[in-house]
C-alpha cells in the first residue's frame, strides 16, 4: 500500500506550531511526493484547493516505545494488586498465545488507535520472535514482518527495534513463554535480524532487552550490529530497583555502567524508563548523548517510580516519549506527565517549557527512532501533520498566545481531528480512513489474544 502521493497538495492551517515557543497563524504548507516543499505564514485565507486544517496543527507525533501486544492487557491487569513482577505474569500469558496472523491483527488495530491519537511513527520494541516452545517459524522473522505490515495497513511509519533477549534473569535460563523471545545467542540474533527488510515506511533498529536479559559478553554483539549500520539501539534501563540490585550482585556494576562498558551508550542509543539511576548513571548517559524515553502512564500504572528526566536532560540526554504498555495511548498525556510527575517529586512547578515537551513528542521521538528528518513542519521533512481541534470542552477558550501550553497541558488524544502521514490523509474528522472501525478491530483482535 503506497505511503505517499507524487501529487502536489496544499494544506492551510489556522494555527501551526513550527518548533518555537509559540504558534504561527494562517500557515500554508506545500507538499509533494509525501514531503513538505514550502511553508508560508500569515496568509489571511486558504488558497484555492487547499485542505483547511481547522485548529492547531503540529508535526506528526512519534511513539518511541511500544509493545503492541500489551494493548490486550488494558483493564485486565487492574484486577489484582502487586508490582511489575506480578503484572508480568499476565503479560507472558498473552505473549504465549500470539501467532503471526493474530499479532498482525492486534498490531494493526493498536497502530490505528495510535494514528487516531496523532502518532505517525512508532518504535516497536519487539521480542516475541518465535513460536511456542521457542521453535522458529519457517520464516524466522514472521512476527516482525507482521508488525511491519500492520504499520503499513494503519498508514504509519515504524522502526522495528528487534530485541535480543537471551536470559530469564541474571544467570537464569529462559522459561515458559520466555522461550519464544530467545535466539541461541547474540550471533544468532544478529544473523536473524540482518534478514529483516525495511522500506519506505519501515526502518530496522536493535534493542538489548535489558541488562538482566542479555549476558554481559553478548551486549557488545548487539551494540556492534547497530553501530555498523548507524541504526538506533534501545534498551530498558533500571526500570526496577530489584533489577539494579541483581545487576550489582552479578557484575558489581549498575545496568548503565554495564551497558557503557560494552559500547551500548551513544547518540544513536535510547534508554527507556531510566527510573532508578545513580548520579554516575546520569552522567554516563548525558556525557555520551544517550537519549532517554520516558513513559509516564506506564511507569505510573506499574508503580515503577518517577525517573530523573530533568536531571538527565540537563546532563545532555535528549528526551522522547512512549506509551509502552498502552494502558493509555495519548502522547499529550505522556508529555505533560513528565512535567506533572516531576512536580510531585519536587513540589515545584515549571520544570519544562510546553514547547520542550512537544519537541520530545515530535522531533525528539523521531530522532530516537532513526528518522531525524521527521517531526518538523519545514521544507524537506515528511508531510506529517496532526490537527487538534480548538472546539472541544478541553481546548475551548484557549488564548492565541498560549496555544502550545493549552495543547500540552489540556488536550487529549480525542481532540485530534486530522492526521496526514507522509502526505496521505489517514484520519479525517476523527475517523480512521484506512481501518474503518478501530474499536471493532481492537475488540476482535484482543478477544483472540486473550
Foldseek 3Di string as FASTA:
>chain_A
DDLAAQDKAKAWEQWEDFQDLAIFGGKIFIDGQQFTAAIDTDDPDDDPRHHYFAFYKFFFFEFQEAAQQLQLCQPVLVPDDDFLVVSVVVVLLLLQQDDLVLLLLSLLLSLLLLVLLRHQEYEHADFQQDHFPLHADPLRRSNVVSNCVSSVLSSHAYEHAQEAFAAPFAVHGQDGSSSSRHDPALVRVLVNQVPDDADPRYHYHYEHAFPTGHDLVRLLSRLVSCVVVVFAYEYEAPLAPVNQVRCCVRPVDGRLVSNVVSNQAALSYEYEQQADDDPVSLLSNQVRQHAYEYQLVVSVVRVRHQRPVLSSVVSHHQYAYHNYSPSDSWLLCRLVSNQVSVCVVVVDHDSDRLSSSLCNRFQVSCSNRPNNLTRGSRRPYRPWMWRFHCPDPQNPPPDSGNSSVSSNPGDTSQRTAWTRHSNRTQGHGSAGPSPHDSVVSNVVSSVSSD
